[in-house]
Amino acid sequence: MEITERRTYTEAELTERLRQAQRGSHEALEEIFSFLRERIFALAKQSAQNIGLRVADAEDATQETMIIVREHLLEFEAWENMIRFARQVLRNRLGNCHQYRLSHNRLEVPMEKASVSVRMDAQLEAAELERILEQAIEELQRTRPRYAVIFRGLLAGLSKKELCEILRITPGHFDVELHRGRRFLRSLLKKRWGIEW
């Protein structure tokens, strides 16, 4: 297996990539957003851990941040402006998530006080989760068919490129749809079956 070194950039190089992306270079856009996402996700994981959030919350906050930064791409004059804006958005997203968790903190009953044991064996639990996931995707098919297509495609082993061709969307738009679909599916699983994923 070949190990590749991470590319390092100067602020001037990043600002130049930003300008190229603003002029329509897809390669520069992909390069600068890949670098930004890496930075923002590392910061999100550390911040999430510090305030007691899950890695999934950090992933969601990162994706939401990237979407917002993309919407404001033409407004940035330099890399410094872009990263500063991204950090502010991330901080707001994580803060919102933290407040939500605090206000929706579930009452936990110690297992020794529970009257019935609900522990399932691993095979039964996996089969039950698979059944619930299939029901959730069927419900998505009725309410949000595009999300259902994405999840069924991923479960069938299709690549991102293949799904983009099927849906006739760009890879960037696919990421947005996948993020929104995951968030919607999580919400559905929690509301309907009480499963936090």
N, C-alpha and C. Protein backbone atom coordinates (compact mmCIF):
# COMPACT_ATOMS: atom_id res chain seq x y z
N MET A 1 0.84 -1.17 0.00
CA MET A 1 0.00 0.00 0.00
C MET A 1 0.89 1.23 0.00
N GLU A 2 0.59 2.15 -0.90
CA GLU A 2 1.38 3.37 -1.03
C GLU A 2 0.82 4.45 -0.12
N ILE A 3 1.70 5.07 0.63
CA ILE A 3 1.28 6.15 1.53
C ILE A 3 1.66 7.46 0.87
N THR A 4 0.67 8.33 0.73
CA THR A 4 0.94 9.62 0.12
C THR A 4 0.95 10.69 1.19
N GLU A 5 1.87 11.62 1.04
CA GLU A 5 1.96 12.72 2.00
C GLU A 5 0.87 13.72 1.72
N ARG A 6 0.39 14.32 2.80
CA ARG A 6 -0.60 15.37 2.63
C ARG A 6 0.05 16.59 2.03
N ARG A 7 -0.65 17.21 1.15
CA ARG A 7 -0.15 18.44 0.51
C ARG A 7 -0.26 19.58 1.50
N THR A 8 0.78 20.38 1.60
CA THR A 8 0.73 21.58 2.43
C THR A 8 0.68 22.79 1.52
N TYR A 9 0.02 23.82 1.99
CA TYR A 9 -0.17 25.02 1.19
C TYR A 9 0.24 26.24 1.99
N THR A 10 0.65 27.27 1.27
CA THR A 10 0.84 28.57 1.91
C THR A 10 -0.50 29.31 1.77
N GLU A 11 -0.66 30.37 2.56
CA GLU A 11 -1.89 31.16 2.45
C GLU A 11 -2.05 31.74 1.06
N ALA A 12 -0.94 32.15 0.46
CA ALA A 12 -0.99 32.72 -0.90
C ALA A 12 -1.48 31.67 -1.91
N GLU A 13 -1.00 30.42 -1.77
CA GLU A 13 -1.45 29.36 -2.67
C GLU A 13 -2.94 29.08 -2.50
N LEU A 14 -3.38 29.06 -1.25
CA LEU A 14 -4.80 28.81 -0.99
C LEU A 14 -5.67 29.94 -1.53
N THR A 15 -5.20 31.16 -1.38
CA THR A 15 -5.95 32.30 -1.92
C THR A 15 -6.02 32.22 -3.44
N GLU A 16 -4.92 31.80 -4.07
CA GLU A 16 -4.92 31.64 -5.52
C GLU A 16 -5.89 30.54 -5.95
N ARG A 17 -5.91 29.41 -5.21
CA ARG A 17 -6.87 28.32 -5.52
C ARG A 17 -8.30 28.83 -5.36
N LEU A 18 -8.53 29.63 -4.32
CA LEU A 18 -9.85 30.21 -4.09
C LEU A 18 -10.27 31.06 -5.29
N ARG A 19 -9.37 31.90 -5.76
CA ARG A 19 -9.69 32.76 -6.91
C ARG A 19 -9.97 31.93 -8.17
N GLN A 20 -9.19 30.86 -8.35
CA GLN A 20 -9.43 29.98 -9.50
C GLN A 20 -10.81 29.32 -9.39
N ALA A 21 -11.15 28.89 -8.17
CA ALA A 21 -12.46 28.28 -7.94
C ALA A 21 -13.58 29.28 -8.21
N GLN A 22 -13.37 30.51 -7.79
CA GLN A 22 -14.37 31.56 -8.03
C GLN A 22 -14.54 31.85 -9.52
N ARG A 23 -13.48 31.62 -10.30
CA ARG A 23 -13.56 31.83 -11.75
C ARG A 23 -14.12 30.61 -12.48
N GLY A 24 -14.41 29.53 -11.73
CA GLY A 24 -15.06 28.37 -12.34
C GLY A 24 -14.22 27.13 -12.48
N SER A 25 -13.02 27.09 -11.92
CA SER A 25 -12.18 25.89 -12.02
C SER A 25 -12.69 24.82 -11.05
N HIS A 26 -13.21 23.73 -11.62
CA HIS A 26 -13.72 22.64 -10.78
C HIS A 26 -12.59 21.96 -10.01
N GLU A 27 -11.42 21.85 -10.64
CA GLU A 27 -10.26 21.23 -10.00
C GLU A 27 -9.83 22.04 -8.78
N ALA A 28 -9.75 23.35 -8.92
CA ALA A 28 -9.36 24.21 -7.80
C ALA A 28 -10.42 24.17 -6.71
N LEU A 29 -11.69 24.14 -7.11
CA LEU A 29 -12.79 24.06 -6.14
C LEU A 29 -12.69 22.78 -5.33
N GLU A 30 -12.48 21.67 -6.01
CA GLU A 30 -12.36 20.38 -5.33
C GLU A 30 -11.15 20.37 -4.39
N GLU A 31 -10.05 20.93 -4.85
CA GLU A 31 -8.81 20.95 -4.06
C GLU A 31 -8.97 21.80 -2.80
N ILE A 32 -9.51 22.99 -2.94
CA ILE A 32 -9.62 23.88 -1.79
C ILE A 32 -10.68 23.38 -0.81
N PHE A 33 -11.77 22.80 -1.32
CA PHE A 33 -12.80 22.28 -0.42
C PHE A 33 -12.36 21.01 0.28
N SER A 34 -11.56 20.21 -0.37
CA SER A 34 -11.01 19.02 0.27
C SER A 34 -10.11 19.42 1.43
N PHE A 35 -9.27 20.41 1.19
CA PHE A 35 -8.37 20.90 2.23
C PHE A 35 -9.16 21.54 3.37
N LEU A 36 -10.16 22.36 3.03
CA LEU A 36 -10.98 23.02 4.05
C LEU A 36 -11.77 22.00 4.87
N ARG A 37 -12.34 21.00 4.20
CA ARG A 37 -13.14 19.99 4.90
C ARG A 37 -12.28 19.23 5.91
N GLU A 38 -11.07 18.90 5.50
CA GLU A 38 -10.16 18.19 6.40
C GLU A 38 -9.89 19.02 7.66
N ARG A 39 -9.62 20.30 7.47
CA ARG A 39 -9.36 21.20 8.61
C ARG A 39 -10.60 21.34 9.50
N ILE A 40 -11.73 21.58 8.88
CA ILE A 40 -12.96 21.82 9.63
C ILE A 40 -13.40 20.56 10.37
N PHE A 41 -13.26 19.39 9.74
CA PHE A 41 -13.67 18.15 10.41
C PHE A 41 -12.78 17.86 11.61
N ALA A 42 -11.48 18.10 11.50
CA ALA A 42 -10.58 17.90 12.64
C ALA A 42 -10.99 18.82 13.79
N LEU A 43 -11.28 20.05 13.48
CA LEU A 43 -11.72 21.01 14.49
C LEU A 43 -13.08 20.60 15.08
N ALA A 44 -13.98 20.14 14.23
CA ALA A 44 -15.31 19.72 14.67
C ALA A 44 -15.23 18.52 15.62
N LYS A 45 -14.39 17.53 15.28
CA LYS A 45 -14.26 16.36 16.16
C LYS A 45 -13.74 16.76 17.53
N GLN A 46 -12.73 17.60 17.55
CA GLN A 46 -12.16 18.03 18.82
C GLN A 46 -13.18 18.83 19.63
N SER A 47 -13.85 19.76 18.99
CA SER A 47 -14.85 20.58 19.68
C SER A 47 -16.02 19.73 20.16
N ALA A 48 -16.47 18.80 19.33
CA ALA A 48 -17.59 17.92 19.71
C ALA A 48 -17.22 17.09 20.93
N GLN A 49 -16.01 16.57 20.94
CA GLN A 49 -15.56 15.77 22.09
C GLN A 49 -15.53 16.63 23.35
N ASN A 50 -15.08 17.88 23.22
CA ASN A 50 -14.99 18.77 24.37
C ASN A 50 -16.35 19.10 24.99
N ILE A 51 -17.41 19.12 24.16
CA ILE A 51 -18.72 19.47 24.70
C ILE A 51 -19.67 18.27 24.79
N GLY A 52 -19.13 17.07 24.60
CA GLY A 52 -19.91 15.85 24.81
C GLY A 52 -20.82 15.46 23.66
N LEU A 53 -20.47 15.84 22.45
CA LEU A 53 -21.26 15.43 21.28
C LEU A 53 -20.62 14.21 20.63
N ARG A 54 -21.37 13.58 19.74
CA ARG A 54 -20.89 12.38 19.05
C ARG A 54 -20.10 12.76 17.79
N VAL A 55 -19.35 11.80 17.27
CA VAL A 55 -18.63 12.01 16.01
C VAL A 55 -19.63 12.28 14.88
N ALA A 56 -20.79 11.61 14.93
CA ALA A 56 -21.82 11.85 13.91
C ALA A 56 -22.27 13.31 13.92
N ASP A 57 -22.34 13.90 15.11
CA ASP A 57 -22.70 15.32 15.21
C ASP A 57 -21.63 16.19 14.56
N ALA A 58 -20.37 15.82 14.77
CA ALA A 58 -19.25 16.56 14.16
C ALA A 58 -19.31 16.42 12.64
N GLU A 59 -19.64 15.22 12.14
CA GLU A 59 -19.76 15.01 10.70
C GLU A 59 -20.87 15.87 10.12
N ASP A 60 -22.02 15.88 10.80
CA ASP A 60 -23.15 16.69 10.33
C ASP A 60 -22.81 18.17 10.33
N ALA A 61 -22.21 18.64 11.41
CA ALA A 61 -21.85 20.06 11.51
C ALA A 61 -20.84 20.43 10.42
N THR A 62 -19.90 19.53 10.15
CA THR A 62 -18.91 19.77 9.09
C THR A 62 -19.59 19.87 7.74
N GLN A 63 -20.48 18.93 7.45
CA GLN A 63 -21.17 18.94 6.16
C GLN A 63 -22.02 20.20 6.00
N GLU A 64 -22.74 20.57 7.06
CA GLU A 64 -23.56 21.78 7.00
C GLU A 64 -22.68 23.01 6.79
N THR A 65 -21.54 23.03 7.45
CA THR A 65 -20.60 24.14 7.29
C THR A 65 -20.11 24.23 5.85
N MET A 66 -19.75 23.09 5.27
CA MET A 66 -19.25 23.08 3.90
C MET A 66 -20.32 23.57 2.92
N ILE A 67 -21.56 23.20 3.16
CA ILE A 67 -22.66 23.64 2.29
C ILE A 67 -22.80 25.16 2.35
N ILE A 68 -22.75 25.71 3.55
CA ILE A 68 -22.90 27.16 3.72
C ILE A 68 -21.71 27.90 3.12
N VAL A 69 -20.51 27.38 3.35
CA VAL A 69 -19.32 28.02 2.77
C VAL A 69 -19.41 28.01 1.24
N ARG A 70 -19.88 26.92 0.68
CA ARG A 70 -20.02 26.82 -0.78
C ARG A 70 -21.01 27.88 -1.30
N GLU A 71 -22.08 28.10 -0.55
CA GLU A 71 -23.08 29.10 -0.95
C GLU A 71 -22.49 30.51 -0.96
N HIS A 72 -21.47 30.75 -0.12
CA HIS A 72 -20.87 32.08 0.00
C HIS A 72 -19.52 32.19 -0.71
N LEU A 73 -19.19 31.23 -1.54
CA LEU A 73 -17.86 31.14 -2.16
C LEU A 73 -17.42 32.44 -2.84
N LEU A 74 -18.30 33.07 -3.55
CA LEU A 74 -17.92 34.26 -4.32
C LEU A 74 -17.66 35.49 -3.45
N GLU A 75 -18.01 35.41 -2.17
CA GLU A 75 -17.86 36.56 -1.28
C GLU A 75 -16.47 36.67 -0.65
N PHE A 76 -15.68 35.61 -0.68
CA PHE A 76 -14.40 35.61 0.01
C PHE A 76 -13.31 36.27 -0.83
N GLU A 77 -12.56 37.15 -0.20
CA GLU A 77 -11.46 37.82 -0.90
C GLU A 77 -10.16 37.04 -0.79
N ALA A 78 -10.02 36.27 0.30
CA ALA A 78 -8.78 35.52 0.53
C ALA A 78 -9.11 34.28 1.35
N TRP A 79 -8.13 33.34 1.39
CA TRP A 79 -8.27 32.12 2.17
C TRP A 79 -8.58 32.43 3.63
N GLU A 80 -7.93 33.43 4.18
CA GLU A 80 -8.12 33.79 5.58
C GLU A 80 -9.59 34.11 5.87
N ASN A 81 -10.25 34.82 4.95
CA ASN A 81 -11.67 35.13 5.11
C ASN A 81 -12.52 33.86 5.08
N MET A 82 -12.16 32.97 4.18
CA MET A 82 -12.92 31.73 4.00
C MET A 82 -12.82 30.85 5.24
N ILE A 83 -11.62 30.64 5.77
CA ILE A 83 -11.45 29.77 6.93
C ILE A 83 -12.07 30.41 8.17
N ARG A 84 -11.97 31.72 8.30
CA ARG A 84 -12.58 32.41 9.45
C ARG A 84 -14.11 32.23 9.41
N PHE A 85 -14.68 32.42 8.24
CA PHE A 85 -16.13 32.25 8.07
C PHE A 85 -16.53 30.81 8.38
N ALA A 86 -15.77 29.85 7.87
CA ALA A 86 -16.07 28.43 8.10
C ALA A 86 -16.03 28.10 9.59
N ARG A 87 -15.06 28.63 10.31
CA ARG A 87 -14.96 28.38 11.75
C ARG A 87 -16.16 28.96 12.50
N GLN A 88 -16.60 30.15 12.09
CA GLN A 88 -17.77 30.76 12.73
C GLN A 88 -19.02 29.93 12.49
N VAL A 89 -19.20 29.48 11.27
CA VAL A 89 -20.37 28.65 10.94
C VAL A 89 -20.31 27.35 11.73
N LEU A 90 -19.14 26.72 11.78
CA LEU A 90 -18.98 25.47 12.52
C LEU A 90 -19.31 25.68 13.99
N ARG A 91 -18.79 26.73 14.57
CA ARG A 91 -19.05 27.02 15.98
C ARG A 91 -20.56 27.16 16.23
N ASN A 92 -21.25 27.87 15.33
CA ASN A 92 -22.70 28.02 15.47
C ASN A 92 -23.43 26.69 15.34
N ARG A 93 -23.02 25.88 14.37
CA ARG A 93 -23.69 24.58 14.15
C ARG A 93 -23.49 23.66 15.35
N LEU A 94 -22.26 23.60 15.86
CA LEU A 94 -22.01 22.75 17.03
C LEU A 94 -22.75 23.28 18.25
N GLY A 95 -22.80 24.59 18.40
CA GLY A 95 -23.54 25.18 19.51
C GLY A 95 -25.02 24.85 19.44
N ASN A 96 -25.59 24.93 18.24
CA ASN A 96 -27.00 24.57 18.06
C ASN A 96 -27.24 23.10 18.40
N CYS A 97 -26.34 22.25 17.96
CA CYS A 97 -26.46 20.81 18.22
C CYS A 97 -26.36 20.55 19.73
N HIS A 98 -25.42 21.22 20.38
CA HIS A 98 -25.24 21.05 21.82
C HIS A 98 -26.49 21.50 22.57
N GLN A 99 -27.04 22.64 22.20
CA GLN A 99 -28.27 23.13 22.84
C GLN A 99 -29.42 22.15 22.62
N TYR A 100 -29.51 21.60 21.43
CA TYR A 100 -30.56 20.62 21.13
C TYR A 100 -30.42 19.39 22.03
N ARG A 101 -29.18 18.91 22.15
CA ARG A 101 -28.94 17.72 22.99
C ARG A 101 -29.30 18.01 24.45
N LEU A 102 -28.95 19.20 24.92
CA LEU A 102 -29.27 19.55 26.31
C LEU A 102 -30.78 19.62 26.53
N SER A 103 -31.49 20.20 25.58
CA SER A 103 -32.93 20.36 25.75
C SER A 103 -33.71 19.08 25.50
N HIS A 104 -33.10 18.13 24.82
CA HIS A 104 -33.77 16.86 24.54
C HIS A 104 -33.07 15.70 25.23
N ASN A 105 -32.42 15.99 26.34
CA ASN A 105 -31.70 14.96 27.07
C ASN A 105 -32.69 13.91 27.56
N ARG A 106 -32.46 12.69 27.18
CA ARG A 106 -33.40 11.62 27.53
C ARG A 106 -33.19 11.15 28.95
N LEU A 107 -34.30 10.81 29.58
CA LEU A 107 -34.26 10.24 30.92
C LEU A 107 -33.75 8.81 30.80
N GLU A 108 -32.70 8.50 31.55
CA GLU A 108 -32.14 7.16 31.48
C GLU A 108 -32.45 6.42 32.77
N VAL A 109 -32.92 5.19 32.62
CA VAL A 109 -33.22 4.34 33.76
C VAL A 109 -32.10 3.31 33.87
N PRO A 110 -31.47 3.21 35.04
CA PRO A 110 -30.41 2.21 35.19
C PRO A 110 -30.95 0.81 34.90
N MET A 111 -30.16 -0.01 34.23
CA MET A 111 -30.62 -1.35 33.83
C MET A 111 -31.00 -2.22 35.01
N GLU A 112 -30.33 -2.02 36.14
CA GLU A 112 -30.67 -2.86 37.28
C GLU A 112 -32.07 -2.57 37.80
N LYS A 113 -32.63 -1.40 37.47
CA LYS A 113 -33.98 -1.06 37.90
C LYS A 113 -35.02 -1.38 36.84
N ALA A 114 -34.59 -1.76 35.67
CA ALA A 114 -35.54 -2.09 34.60
C ALA A 114 -36.22 -3.40 34.93
N SER A 115 -37.54 -3.45 34.69
CA SER A 115 -38.29 -4.65 35.06
C SER A 115 -38.14 -5.78 34.05
N VAL A 116 -37.87 -5.45 32.80
CA VAL A 116 -37.76 -6.46 31.77
C VAL A 116 -36.43 -6.30 31.04
N SER A 117 -35.79 -7.41 30.78
CA SER A 117 -34.55 -7.35 30.01
C SER A 117 -34.91 -7.28 28.53
N VAL A 118 -34.29 -6.35 27.81
CA VAL A 118 -34.58 -6.21 26.39
C VAL A 118 -33.36 -6.58 25.54
N ARG A 119 -32.43 -7.29 26.10
CA ARG A 119 -31.22 -7.66 25.37
C ARG A 119 -31.54 -8.76 24.36
N MET A 120 -31.11 -8.55 23.12
CA MET A 120 -31.32 -9.54 22.07
C MET A 120 -29.98 -10.14 21.69
N ASP A 121 -30.03 -11.32 21.12
CA ASP A 121 -28.76 -11.85 20.63
C ASP A 121 -28.38 -11.09 19.36
N ALA A 122 -27.12 -11.16 19.00
CA ALA A 122 -26.57 -10.33 17.92
C ALA A 122 -27.26 -10.57 16.58
N GLN A 123 -27.55 -11.84 16.25
CA GLN A 123 -28.17 -12.13 14.96
C GLN A 123 -29.59 -11.57 14.89
N LEU A 124 -30.34 -11.75 15.97
CA LEU A 124 -31.71 -11.25 16.01
C LEU A 124 -31.70 -9.72 15.95
N GLU A 125 -30.78 -9.11 16.68
CA GLU A 125 -30.69 -7.65 16.70
C GLU A 125 -30.35 -7.12 15.30
N ALA A 126 -29.41 -7.75 14.63
CA ALA A 126 -29.03 -7.31 13.28
C ALA A 126 -30.20 -7.47 12.31
N ALA A 127 -30.92 -8.57 12.41
CA ALA A 127 -32.07 -8.80 11.53
C ALA A 127 -33.16 -7.77 11.80
N GLU A 128 -33.40 -7.47 13.06
CA GLU A 128 -34.41 -6.48 13.44
C GLU A 128 -34.02 -5.09 12.92
N LEU A 129 -32.75 -4.72 13.07
CA LEU A 129 -32.29 -3.43 12.58
C LEU A 129 -32.40 -3.34 11.06
N GLU A 130 -32.10 -4.43 10.39
CA GLU A 130 -32.21 -4.46 8.93
C GLU A 130 -33.66 -4.27 8.50
N ARG A 131 -34.59 -4.92 9.22
CA ARG A 131 -36.01 -4.79 8.92
C ARG A 131 -36.48 -3.35 9.14
N ILE A 132 -36.05 -2.75 10.24
CA ILE A 132 -36.43 -1.37 10.55
C ILE A 132 -35.87 -0.42 9.50
N LEU A 133 -34.62 -0.64 9.11
CA LEU A 133 -34.00 0.21 8.10
C LEU A 133 -34.75 0.11 6.77
N GLU A 134 -35.15 -1.10 6.41
CA GLU A 134 -35.91 -1.29 5.16
C GLU A 134 -37.25 -0.57 5.24
N GLN A 135 -37.93 -0.64 6.39
CA GLN A 135 -39.20 0.08 6.56
C GLN A 135 -38.99 1.59 6.46
N ALA A 136 -37.90 2.07 7.05
CA ALA A 136 -37.60 3.50 7.01
C ALA A 136 -37.34 3.95 5.57
N ILE A 137 -36.61 3.14 4.81
CA ILE A 137 -36.34 3.49 3.41
C ILE A 137 -37.62 3.45 2.59
N GLU A 138 -38.52 2.50 2.90
CA GLU A 138 -39.82 2.46 2.21
C GLU A 138 -40.62 3.73 2.50
N GLU A 139 -40.57 4.19 3.74
CA GLU A 139 -41.26 5.43 4.08
C GLU A 139 -40.61 6.62 3.36
N LEU A 140 -39.28 6.60 3.27
CA LEU A 140 -38.59 7.64 2.50
C LEU A 140 -39.04 7.63 1.04
N GLN A 141 -39.27 6.44 0.51
CA GLN A 141 -39.71 6.31 -0.89
C GLN A 141 -41.00 7.08 -1.12
N ARG A 142 -41.87 7.08 -0.11
CA ARG A 142 -43.15 7.80 -0.24
C ARG A 142 -42.99 9.31 -0.07
N THR A 143 -42.13 9.70 0.87
CA THR A 143 -42.04 11.13 1.21
C THR A 143 -40.86 11.84 0.54
N ARG A 144 -39.74 11.17 0.42
CA ARG A 144 -38.52 11.76 -0.16
C ARG A 144 -37.86 10.72 -1.08
N PRO A 145 -38.43 10.50 -2.28
CA PRO A 145 -37.94 9.43 -3.15
C PRO A 145 -36.47 9.52 -3.52
N ARG A 146 -35.94 10.73 -3.67
CA ARG A 146 -34.53 10.87 -4.06
C ARG A 146 -33.62 10.30 -2.97
N TYR A 147 -33.95 10.56 -1.71
CA TYR A 147 -33.15 10.02 -0.60
C TYR A 147 -33.21 8.49 -0.61
N ALA A 148 -34.40 7.95 -0.88
CA ALA A 148 -34.54 6.49 -0.92
C ALA A 148 -33.68 5.89 -2.02
N VAL A 149 -33.64 6.54 -3.18
CA VAL A 149 -32.80 6.06 -4.29
C VAL A 149 -31.34 6.05 -3.88
N ILE A 150 -30.91 7.11 -3.21
CA ILE A 150 -29.51 7.19 -2.76
C ILE A 150 -29.19 6.05 -1.80
N PHE A 151 -30.04 5.84 -0.79
CA PHE A 151 -29.75 4.80 0.20
C PHE A 151 -29.83 3.40 -0.40
N ARG A 152 -30.82 3.16 -1.25
CA ARG A 152 -30.91 1.84 -1.89
C ARG A 152 -29.69 1.59 -2.78
N GLY A 153 -29.25 2.63 -3.48
CA GLY A 153 -28.07 2.50 -4.32
C GLY A 153 -26.82 2.20 -3.52
N LEU A 154 -26.67 2.90 -2.40
CA LEU A 154 -25.50 2.65 -1.54
C LEU A 154 -25.54 1.25 -0.95
N LEU A 155 -26.73 0.81 -0.53
CA LEU A 155 -26.86 -0.55 0.01
C LEU A 155 -26.59 -1.60 -1.05
N ALA A 156 -26.89 -1.27 -2.31
CA ALA A 156 -26.64 -2.21 -3.42
C ALA A 156 -25.18 -2.18 -3.88
N GLY A 157 -24.39 -1.27 -3.30
CA GLY A 157 -22.97 -1.22 -3.63
C GLY A 157 -22.61 -0.29 -4.78
N LEU A 158 -23.54 0.56 -5.19
CA LEU A 158 -23.23 1.51 -6.26
C LEU A 158 -22.26 2.57 -5.76
N SER A 159 -21.44 3.05 -6.66
CA SER A 159 -20.47 4.10 -6.29
C SER A 159 -21.15 5.46 -6.37
N LYS A 160 -20.48 6.44 -5.79
CA LYS A 160 -20.97 7.82 -5.84
C LYS A 160 -21.12 8.26 -7.30
N LYS A 161 -20.14 7.93 -8.12
CA LYS A 161 -20.17 8.32 -9.54
C LYS A 161 -21.39 7.72 -10.24
N GLU A 162 -21.66 6.43 -9.98
CA GLU A 162 -22.81 5.78 -10.61
C GLU A 162 -24.12 6.41 -10.16
N LEU A 163 -24.21 6.71 -8.87
CA LEU A 163 -25.43 7.34 -8.36
C LEU A 163 -25.62 8.75 -8.92
N CYS A 164 -24.52 9.47 -9.09
CA CYS A 164 -24.60 10.82 -9.69
C CYS A 164 -25.14 10.73 -11.12
N GLU A 165 -24.71 9.71 -11.85
CA GLU A 165 -25.18 9.54 -13.22
C GLU A 165 -26.66 9.17 -13.24
N ILE A 166 -27.07 8.29 -12.34
CA ILE A 166 -28.48 7.88 -12.26
C ILE A 166 -29.37 9.06 -11.92
N LEU A 167 -28.94 9.84 -10.93
CA LEU A 167 -29.75 10.98 -10.46
C LEU A 167 -29.54 12.24 -11.30
N ARG A 168 -28.53 12.20 -12.18
CA ARG A 168 -28.19 13.35 -13.03
C ARG A 168 -27.87 14.59 -12.18
N ILE A 169 -26.99 14.38 -11.21
CA ILE A 169 -26.55 15.49 -10.36
C ILE A 169 -25.03 15.48 -10.28
N THR A 170 -24.46 16.60 -9.84
CA THR A 170 -23.00 16.71 -9.70
C THR A 170 -22.57 16.04 -8.39
N PRO A 171 -21.30 15.67 -8.27
CA PRO A 171 -20.81 15.09 -7.02
C PRO A 171 -21.03 16.01 -5.81
N GLY A 172 -20.86 17.31 -6.00
CA GLY A 172 -21.09 18.25 -4.91
C GLY A 172 -22.54 18.25 -4.46
N HIS A 173 -23.46 18.21 -5.43
CA HIS A 173 -24.89 18.17 -5.09
C HIS A 173 -25.25 16.83 -4.45
N PHE A 174 -24.58 15.76 -4.89
CA PHE A 174 -24.81 14.45 -4.28
C PHE A 174 -24.46 14.49 -2.79
N ASP A 175 -23.33 15.12 -2.45
CA ASP A 175 -22.93 15.22 -1.05
C ASP A 175 -23.99 15.94 -0.22
N VAL A 176 -24.55 17.00 -0.79
CA VAL A 176 -25.61 17.75 -0.10
C VAL A 176 -26.83 16.86 0.09
N GLU A 177 -27.25 16.16 -0.97
CA GLU A 177 -28.41 15.28 -0.89
C GLU A 177 -28.18 14.14 0.12
N LEU A 178 -26.98 13.57 0.10
CA LEU A 178 -26.67 12.48 1.03
C LEU A 178 -26.72 12.99 2.47
N HIS A 179 -26.16 14.15 2.71
CA HIS A 179 -26.17 14.73 4.06
C HIS A 179 -27.60 14.97 4.53
N ARG A 180 -28.40 15.58 3.68
CA ARG A 180 -29.79 15.86 4.06
C ARG A 180 -30.57 14.57 4.24
N GLY A 181 -30.30 13.59 3.38
CA GLY A 181 -30.96 12.30 3.50
C GLY A 181 -30.61 11.60 4.80
N ARG A 182 -29.32 11.63 5.17
CA ARG A 182 -28.89 11.02 6.44
C ARG A 182 -29.59 11.68 7.62
N ARG A 183 -29.65 13.01 7.57
CA ARG A 183 -30.28 13.75 8.67
C ARG A 183 -31.77 13.40 8.75
N PHE A 184 -32.43 13.32 7.60
CA PHE A 184 -33.85 12.98 7.57
C PHE A 184 -34.07 11.55 8.06
N LEU A 185 -33.21 10.62 7.62
CA LEU A 185 -33.33 9.23 8.04
C LEU A 185 -33.11 9.09 9.55
N ARG A 186 -32.12 9.79 10.08
CA ARG A 186 -31.88 9.76 11.53
C ARG A 186 -33.10 10.25 12.29
N SER A 187 -33.67 11.34 11.82
CA SER A 187 -34.86 11.91 12.45
C SER A 187 -36.02 10.91 12.42
N LEU A 188 -36.22 10.28 11.28
CA LEU A 188 -37.28 9.29 11.11
C LEU A 188 -37.07 8.10 12.04
N LEU A 189 -35.85 7.58 12.09
CA LEU A 189 -35.55 6.43 12.95
C LEU A 189 -35.79 6.78 14.42
N LYS A 190 -35.44 7.99 14.80
CA LYS A 190 -35.62 8.40 16.19
C LYS A 190 -37.10 8.58 16.53
N LYS A 191 -37.85 9.26 15.65
CA LYS A 191 -39.27 9.51 15.92
C LYS A 191 -40.10 8.24 15.92
N ARG A 192 -39.88 7.41 14.92
CA ARG A 192 -40.76 6.26 14.71
C ARG A 192 -40.35 5.04 15.54
N TRP A 193 -39.03 4.79 15.67
CA TRP A 193 -38.58 3.58 16.34
C TRP A 193 -37.75 3.85 17.58
N GLY A 194 -37.47 5.11 17.88
CA GLY A 194 -36.68 5.44 19.07
C GLY A 194 -35.21 5.05 18.96
N ILE A 195 -34.71 4.97 17.73
CA ILE A 195 -33.32 4.57 17.50
C ILE A 195 -32.49 5.80 17.20
N GLU A 196 -31.43 6.02 17.98
CA GLU A 196 -30.50 7.11 17.68
C GLU A 196 -29.32 6.52 16.96
N TRP A 197 -29.03 7.09 15.81
CA TRP A 197 -27.96 6.55 14.97
C TRP A 197 -26.98 7.62 14.69
